[in-house]
Amino acid sequence: MSTVTKKELVDRVAADTQIPQVGAKGIINSFLDEIIAELAKGNRLEFRDFGVFEIVTRAARVAQNPKTLEQIHVPAKRVVKFKMGRLMRKKVNTPKTQEHS
């Protein structure tokens, strides 16, 4: 498994769409900024067949430091939850040997 960077995605989008890399980078950055802004407002983002991003609140809890066994209060916090869409689930769960058939 390898890691794909934003730069590599920019290169791919620029090649696929035949637009300059600067333009592709601006579009991708703007898209990601909008996703962050909407999630920060508490909005849910739904991309058909891709998936759904939404904010959920994790309840406050008491945890334990494994070294000292000291009880620690962990405050409630908001986290991003992602649920895969139909097409992504199908692609992700297709065995690699069948992907190219």
C-alpha atoms as a PDB file:
ATOM      1  CA  MET A   1       0.000   0.000   0.000  1.00  0.00           C
ATOM      2  CA  SER A   2       1.347   3.439  -0.863  1.00  0.00           C
ATOM      3  CA  THR A   3       0.488   6.999   0.084  1.00  0.00           C
ATOM      4  CA  VAL A   4      -0.850   9.420  -2.512  1.00  0.00           C
ATOM      5  CA  THR A   5      -0.101  13.087  -1.829  1.00  0.00           C
ATOM      6  CA  LYS A   6      -2.159  16.127  -2.770  1.00  0.00           C
ATOM      7  CA  LYS A   7       0.542  17.032  -5.319  1.00  0.00           C
ATOM      8  CA  GLU A   8       0.125  13.655  -7.020  1.00  0.00           C
ATOM      9  CA  LEU A   9      -3.646  14.178  -7.145  1.00  0.00           C
ATOM     10  CA  VAL A  10      -3.106  17.650  -8.610  1.00  0.00           C
ATOM     11  CA  ASP A  11      -0.842  16.141 -11.283  1.00  0.00           C
ATOM     12  CA  ARG A  12      -3.434  13.490 -12.145  1.00  0.00           C
ATOM     13  CA  VAL A  13      -6.345  15.944 -12.296  1.00  0.00           C
ATOM     14  CA  ALA A  14      -4.295  18.351 -14.433  1.00  0.00           C
ATOM     15  CA  ALA A  15      -3.435  15.541 -16.852  1.00  0.00           C
ATOM     16  CA  ASP A  16      -6.995  14.142 -16.959  1.00  0.00           C
ATOM     17  CA  THR A  17      -8.627  17.541 -17.506  1.00  0.00           C
ATOM     18  CA  GLN A  18      -5.820  19.069 -19.580  1.00  0.00           C
ATOM     19  CA  ILE A  19      -5.738  22.198 -17.420  1.00  0.00           C
ATOM     20  CA  PRO A  20      -2.552  23.720 -15.973  1.00  0.00           C
ATOM     21  CA  GLN A  21      -1.322  22.307 -12.672  1.00  0.00           C
ATOM     22  CA  VAL A  22      -1.783  25.727 -11.043  1.00  0.00           C
ATOM     23  CA  GLY A  23      -5.472  25.676 -11.995  1.00  0.00           C
ATOM     24  CA  ALA A  24      -5.954  22.098 -10.820  1.00  0.00           C
ATOM     25  CA  LYS A  25      -4.229  22.897  -7.518  1.00  0.00           C
ATOM     26  CA  GLY A  26      -6.502  25.913  -6.992  1.00  0.00           C
ATOM     27  CA  ILE A  27      -9.616  23.872  -7.683  1.00  0.00           C
ATOM     28  CA  ILE A  28      -8.592  21.039  -5.367  1.00  0.00           C
ATOM     29  CA  ASN A  29      -7.591  23.449  -2.578  1.00  0.00           C
ATOM     30  CA  SER A  30     -10.866  25.340  -2.947  1.00  0.00           C
ATOM     31  CA  PHE A  31     -12.855  22.090  -2.876  1.00  0.00           C
ATOM     32  CA  LEU A  32     -11.104  20.877   0.280  1.00  0.00           C
ATOM     33  CA  ASP A  33     -11.495  24.303   1.937  1.00  0.00           C
ATOM     34  CA  GLU A  34     -15.246  24.226   1.242  1.00  0.00           C
ATOM     35  CA  ILE A  35     -15.565  20.749   2.748  1.00  0.00           C
ATOM     36  CA  ILE A  36     -13.762  21.917   5.896  1.00  0.00           C
ATOM     37  CA  ALA A  37     -15.869  25.084   6.116  1.00  0.00           C
ATOM     38  CA  GLU A  38     -19.156  23.191   5.809  1.00  0.00           C
ATOM     39  CA  LEU A  39     -18.137  20.581   8.381  1.00  0.00           C
ATOM     40  CA  ALA A  40     -17.029  23.359  10.745  1.00  0.00           C
ATOM     41  CA  LYS A  41     -20.556  24.807  10.475  1.00  0.00           C
ATOM     42  CA  GLY A  42     -21.941  21.404  11.465  1.00  0.00           C
ATOM     43  CA  ASN A  43     -23.337  20.658   8.008  1.00  0.00           C
ATOM     44  CA  ARG A  44     -23.489  17.211   6.453  1.00  0.00           C
ATOM     45  CA  LEU A  45     -21.905  16.694   3.024  1.00  0.00           C
ATOM     46  CA  GLU A  46     -23.287  14.028   0.738  1.00  0.00           C
ATOM     47  CA  PHE A  47     -21.612  12.974  -2.497  1.00  0.00           C
ATOM     48  CA  ARG A  48     -23.741  10.350  -4.245  1.00  0.00           C
ATOM     49  CA  ASP A  49     -21.947   7.017  -4.751  1.00  0.00           C
ATOM     50  CA  PHE A  50     -18.816   8.421  -3.016  1.00  0.00           C
ATOM     51  CA  GLY A  51     -19.926   8.876   0.570  1.00  0.00           C
ATOM     52  CA  VAL A  52     -21.176  11.113   3.353  1.00  0.00           C
ATOM     53  CA  PHE A  53     -19.178  13.307   5.730  1.00  0.00           C
ATOM     54  CA  GLU A  54     -20.831  14.431   8.941  1.00  0.00           C
ATOM     55  CA  ILE A  55     -19.921  15.731  12.375  1.00  0.00           C
ATOM     56  CA  VAL A  56     -20.654  13.582  15.415  1.00  0.00           C
ATOM     57  CA  THR A  57     -20.002  14.438  19.043  1.00  0.00           C
ATOM     58  CA  ARG A  58     -18.073  12.000  21.171  1.00  0.00           C
ATOM     59  CA  ALA A  59     -19.263  12.052  24.759  1.00  0.00           C
ATOM     60  CA  ALA A  60     -16.987  13.046  27.588  1.00  0.00           C
ATOM     61  CA  ARG A  61     -15.484  10.053  29.356  1.00  0.00           C
ATOM     62  CA  VAL A  62     -13.024   8.959  31.976  1.00  0.00           C
ATOM     63  CA  ALA A  63      -9.903   7.226  30.645  1.00  0.00           C
ATOM     64  CA  GLN A  64      -6.913   5.702  32.363  1.00  0.00           C
ATOM     65  CA  ASN A  65      -3.221   6.447  31.803  1.00  0.00           C
ATOM     66  CA  PRO A  66      -1.764   2.972  31.133  1.00  0.00           C
ATOM     67  CA  LYS A  67       1.598   3.807  32.754  1.00  0.00           C
ATOM     68  CA  THR A  68       0.385   5.424  35.977  1.00  0.00           C
ATOM     69  CA  LEU A  69      -3.183   4.043  36.064  1.00  0.00           C
ATOM     70  CA  GLU A  70      -4.265   7.612  36.848  1.00  0.00           C
ATOM     71  CA  GLN A  71      -7.866   8.482  35.935  1.00  0.00           C
ATOM     72  CA  ILE A  72      -8.048  11.208  33.298  1.00  0.00           C
ATOM     73  CA  HIS A  73     -11.123  13.181  32.224  1.00  0.00           C
ATOM     74  CA  VAL A  74     -11.424  13.290  28.414  1.00  0.00           C
ATOM     75  CA  PRO A  75     -13.764  16.116  27.357  1.00  0.00           C
ATOM     76  CA  ALA A  76     -16.466  15.756  24.709  1.00  0.00           C
ATOM     77  CA  LYS A  77     -15.334  16.591  21.199  1.00  0.00           C
ATOM     78  CA  ARG A  78     -16.624  16.808  17.660  1.00  0.00           C
ATOM     79  CA  VAL A  79     -15.173  14.422  15.080  1.00  0.00           C
ATOM     80  CA  VAL A  80     -15.756  13.817  11.384  1.00  0.00           C
ATOM     81  CA  LYS A  81     -17.501  10.575  10.484  1.00  0.00           C
ATOM     82  CA  PHE A  82     -17.324   9.214   6.936  1.00  0.00           C
ATOM     83  CA  LYS A  83     -19.642   6.591   5.511  1.00  0.00           C
ATOM     84  CA  MET A  84     -18.716   5.085   2.144  1.00  0.00           C
ATOM     85  CA  GLY A  85     -21.138   5.324  -0.732  1.00  0.00           C
ATOM     86  CA  ARG A  86     -22.241   2.460  -2.929  1.00  0.00           C
ATOM     87  CA  LEU A  87     -19.677   2.900  -5.721  1.00  0.00           C
ATOM     88  CA  MET A  88     -16.744   3.394  -3.337  1.00  0.00           C
ATOM     89  CA  ARG A  89     -17.762   0.367  -1.277  1.00  0.00           C
ATOM     90  CA  LYS A  90     -17.918  -1.741  -4.441  1.00  0.00           C
ATOM     91  CA  LYS A  91     -14.481  -0.571  -5.672  1.00  0.00           C
ATOM     92  CA  VAL A  92     -12.802  -0.870  -2.263  1.00  0.00           C
ATOM     93  CA  ASN A  93     -14.168  -4.361  -1.675  1.00  0.00           C
ATOM     94  CA  THR A  94     -13.283  -5.705  -5.134  1.00  0.00           C
ATOM     95  CA  PRO A  95     -10.274  -8.007  -4.882  1.00  0.00           C
ATOM     96  CA  LYS A  96      -7.230  -6.578  -6.685  1.00  0.00           C
ATOM     97  CA  THR A  97      -7.069  -9.561  -9.054  1.00  0.00           C
ATOM     98  CA  GLN A  98     -10.572  -8.752 -10.387  1.00  0.00           C
ATOM     99  CA  GLU A  99     -10.109  -4.968 -10.664  1.00  0.00           C
ATOM    100  CA  HIS A 100      -8.741  -4.963 -14.195  1.00  0.00           C
ATOM    101  CA  SER A 101     -11.197  -7.408 -15.781  1.00  0.00           C
END
